[in-house]
């Protein structure tokens, strides 16, 4: 199947041919955001962290948490997003299907909390070489940007494509915004 079409719907589903999982997927996967601030800024800092907890068993449930804390001129704001859903695995591919999301925002006079049903799917790939779980599309706190591993895919689900693995490596070692989740040991 060629990926040269404009459709990126494949990043929302598993390959049709199903395989047994080829990695130990259950546990906690962490993506640490590096602390960001304007150059030499004493008045601004921004830190984020995301975790995905994959529960073992037949129900295949997961929880995902995103926490971002920003301090600007002494005012601290934070956003916490917790989500839950189910997952499926085929070989090195992992599909997260989010069903519910809860958002909490605090700081600068805000104290808001919402909880709602949420239908969202995103495909991840486990790189044995990098020992990392990487989404096909860059996303942080369920805000998706239209770039990521998918841009290096010539033929969808083709794990033997060198370009695919080159993109995985590049997005795994990015210094500014890591795209990869690493399993907690």
Protein backbone atom coordinates (compact mmCIF):
# COMPACT_ATOMS: atom_id res chain seq x y z
CA UNK A 1 0.00 0.00 0.00
CA UNK A 2 1.57 3.30 -1.06
CA UNK A 3 1.58 6.28 1.27
CA UNK A 4 1.95 8.93 -1.41
CA UNK A 5 -1.73 9.81 -1.13
CA UNK A 6 -2.85 12.80 0.91
CA UNK A 7 -4.81 10.59 3.30
CA UNK A 8 -3.26 9.95 6.66
CA UNK A 9 -6.13 7.81 7.95
CA UNK A 10 -3.78 4.84 8.28
CA UNK A 11 -2.31 6.43 11.43
CA UNK A 12 -5.66 5.72 13.12
CA UNK A 13 -5.67 1.93 12.60
CA UNK A 14 -3.55 -1.21 12.90
CA UNK A 15 -2.29 -3.18 9.90
CA UNK A 16 -4.91 -5.61 8.61
CA UNK A 17 -2.53 -8.56 9.03
CA UNK A 18 -2.40 -9.19 12.78
CA UNK A 19 0.73 -10.48 14.52
CA UNK A 20 1.53 -11.45 18.11
CA UNK A 21 3.06 -8.62 20.18
CA UNK A 22 6.82 -8.50 19.74
CA UNK A 23 7.63 -6.38 22.80
CA UNK A 24 6.77 -6.21 26.48
CA UNK A 25 4.16 -3.48 26.26
CA UNK A 26 2.54 -3.44 29.71
CA UNK A 27 3.78 -0.93 32.24
CA UNK A 28 4.45 2.79 32.25
CA UNK A 29 5.86 4.65 29.27
CA UNK A 30 7.22 8.17 29.88
CA UNK A 31 7.90 11.13 27.61
CA UNK A 32 9.82 13.83 29.44
CA UNK A 33 9.66 17.34 28.09
CA UNK A 34 12.82 19.32 28.59
CA UNK A 35 12.40 22.49 30.56
CA UNK A 36 11.93 25.35 28.14
CA UNK A 37 12.47 29.05 28.65
CA UNK A 38 13.36 32.06 26.58
CA UNK A 39 17.14 32.41 26.31
CA UNK A 40 18.58 33.36 29.72
CA UNK A 41 15.08 34.08 30.98
CA UNK A 42 14.70 34.51 34.71
CA UNK A 43 10.96 35.07 34.44
CA UNK A 44 9.73 32.17 32.29
CA UNK A 45 9.87 28.38 32.49
CA UNK A 46 7.76 25.69 30.89
CA UNK A 47 7.91 21.99 31.75
CA UNK A 48 5.79 19.08 30.53
CA UNK A 49 5.61 15.33 31.08
CA UNK A 50 3.42 12.61 29.57
CA UNK A 51 2.89 9.05 30.68
CA UNK A 52 1.04 6.13 29.16
CA UNK A 53 0.16 3.22 31.44
CA UNK A 54 -0.72 0.05 29.56
CA UNK A 55 -2.48 -2.51 31.72
CA UNK A 56 -1.91 -6.20 30.96
CA UNK A 57 -4.78 -8.62 30.54
CA UNK A 58 -7.58 -9.30 28.15
CA UNK A 59 -9.35 -5.94 28.59
CA UNK A 60 -6.34 -4.03 27.20
CA UNK A 61 -7.00 -0.76 29.04
CA UNK A 62 -4.73 2.26 29.23
CA UNK A 63 -4.45 5.58 31.02
CA UNK A 64 -2.59 8.56 29.63
CA UNK A 65 -1.58 11.64 31.62
CA UNK A 66 -0.21 14.98 30.43
CA UNK A 67 1.03 17.62 32.89
CA UNK A 68 2.33 21.01 31.84
CA UNK A 69 3.46 23.67 34.29
CA UNK A 70 4.37 27.16 33.16
CA UNK A 71 5.70 30.02 35.27
CA UNK A 72 5.61 33.44 33.65
CA UNK A 73 6.62 36.52 35.66
CA UNK A 74 5.96 34.65 38.90
CA UNK A 75 2.48 33.43 37.91
CA UNK A 76 2.17 29.65 37.82
CA UNK A 77 -0.38 27.94 35.58
CA UNK A 78 -0.83 24.24 35.07
CA UNK A 79 -2.87 21.93 32.92
CA UNK A 80 -3.45 18.28 33.73
CA UNK A 81 -5.09 16.01 31.18
CA UNK A 82 -6.04 12.47 32.14
CA UNK A 83 -7.50 10.10 29.60
CA UNK A 84 -8.45 6.47 29.42
CA UNK A 85 -9.40 3.95 26.80
CA UNK A 86 -8.46 0.64 25.23
CA UNK A 87 -5.55 -0.47 23.10
CA UNK A 88 -4.73 -3.07 20.48
CA UNK A 89 -1.36 -4.47 19.46
CA UNK A 90 -0.10 -6.14 16.30
CA UNK A 91 3.61 -6.95 16.18
CA UNK A 92 5.43 -3.68 16.93
CA UNK A 93 2.32 -1.56 16.32
CA UNK A 94 0.18 -0.14 19.14
CA UNK A 95 -3.16 1.61 18.62
CA UNK A 96 -4.51 3.73 21.48
CA UNK A 97 -8.25 4.37 21.36
CA UNK A 98 -9.13 7.10 23.86
CA UNK A 99 -12.71 6.99 25.12
CA UNK A 100 -12.77 9.55 27.95
CA UNK A 101 -10.78 12.67 28.82
CA UNK A 102 -10.61 14.86 31.92
CA UNK A 103 -8.95 18.29 31.92
CA UNK A 104 -7.96 20.43 34.91
CA UNK A 105 -6.58 23.96 34.54
CA UNK A 106 -5.30 26.00 37.46
CA UNK A 107 -3.56 29.31 37.98
CA UNK A 108 -3.90 32.94 37.00
CA UNK A 109 -7.43 33.05 38.42
CA UNK A 110 -8.54 29.83 36.72
CA UNK A 111 -9.69 26.66 38.40
CA UNK A 112 -11.57 24.68 35.78
CA UNK A 113 -12.29 20.99 35.45
CA UNK A 114 -14.08 19.16 32.64
CA UNK A 115 -14.74 15.50 31.94
CA UNK A 116 -16.21 14.18 28.71
CA UNK A 117 -16.43 11.29 26.27
CA UNK A 118 -13.67 11.53 23.68
CA UNK A 119 -13.23 9.36 20.59
CA UNK A 120 -9.62 9.53 19.44
CA UNK A 121 -7.25 6.98 17.87
CA UNK A 122 -3.53 7.24 17.23
CA UNK A 123 -1.02 4.66 16.04
CA UNK A 124 2.35 4.14 17.74
CA UNK A 125 5.34 2.02 16.76
CA UNK A 126 7.74 0.24 19.10
CA UNK A 127 11.32 0.60 17.86
CA UNK A 128 13.39 -2.32 19.09
CA UNK A 129 16.63 -0.48 18.22
CA UNK A 130 15.66 2.70 20.09
CA UNK A 131 13.69 0.83 22.80
CA UNK A 132 11.04 3.50 22.41
CA UNK A 133 7.37 3.89 21.62
CA UNK A 134 6.79 6.64 19.04
CA UNK A 135 3.50 8.06 17.71
CA UNK A 136 3.10 8.33 13.96
CA UNK A 137 1.92 11.93 14.42
CA UNK A 138 3.36 14.43 16.91
CA UNK A 139 0.84 15.11 19.64
CA UNK A 140 1.10 16.70 23.05
CA UNK A 141 -1.84 16.83 25.43
CA UNK A 142 -4.12 15.65 22.59
CA UNK A 143 -3.16 18.63 20.45
CA UNK A 144 -1.94 17.14 17.18
CA UNK A 145 0.50 18.78 14.83
CA UNK A 146 0.57 17.67 11.21
CA UNK A 147 4.06 16.18 11.21
CA UNK A 148 5.88 13.21 12.61
CA UNK A 149 7.06 9.73 11.71
CA UNK A 150 4.25 9.51 9.12
CA UNK A 151 6.20 11.95 6.95
CA UNK A 152 9.03 9.44 6.56
CA UNK A 153 6.80 6.57 5.52
CA UNK A 154 7.01 5.56 1.87
CA UNK A 155 4.80 2.50 2.22
CA UNK A 156 2.49 2.26 5.21
CA UNK A 157 3.20 -0.42 7.82
CA UNK A 158 6.42 -1.38 5.99
CA UNK A 159 8.84 -2.05 8.84
CA UNK A 160 11.74 -2.92 6.51
CA UNK A 161 11.88 0.61 5.02
CA UNK A 162 15.20 2.23 6.03
CA UNK A 163 13.71 5.72 5.69
CA UNK A 164 10.99 4.81 8.22
CA UNK A 165 13.63 3.78 10.78
CA UNK A 166 15.71 6.88 10.01
CA UNK A 167 12.72 9.08 10.87
CA UNK A 168 12.08 7.07 14.05
CA UNK A 169 15.68 7.62 15.13
CA UNK A 170 15.51 11.36 14.40
CA UNK A 171 12.26 11.84 16.30
CA UNK A 172 13.48 9.70 19.20
CA UNK A 173 16.62 11.73 19.87
CA UNK A 174 15.19 15.22 19.34
CA UNK A 175 16.52 17.49 22.06
CA UNK A 176 13.78 20.11 22.17
CA UNK A 177 10.56 18.12 21.99
CA UNK A 178 11.00 14.43 22.39
CA UNK A 179 8.46 12.44 20.42
CA UNK A 180 9.29 9.15 22.10
CA UNK A 181 8.06 7.36 25.18
CA UNK A 182 10.51 5.17 27.09
CA UNK A 183 9.44 2.33 29.36
CA UNK A 184 9.91 2.93 33.07
CA UNK A 185 12.32 0.39 34.48
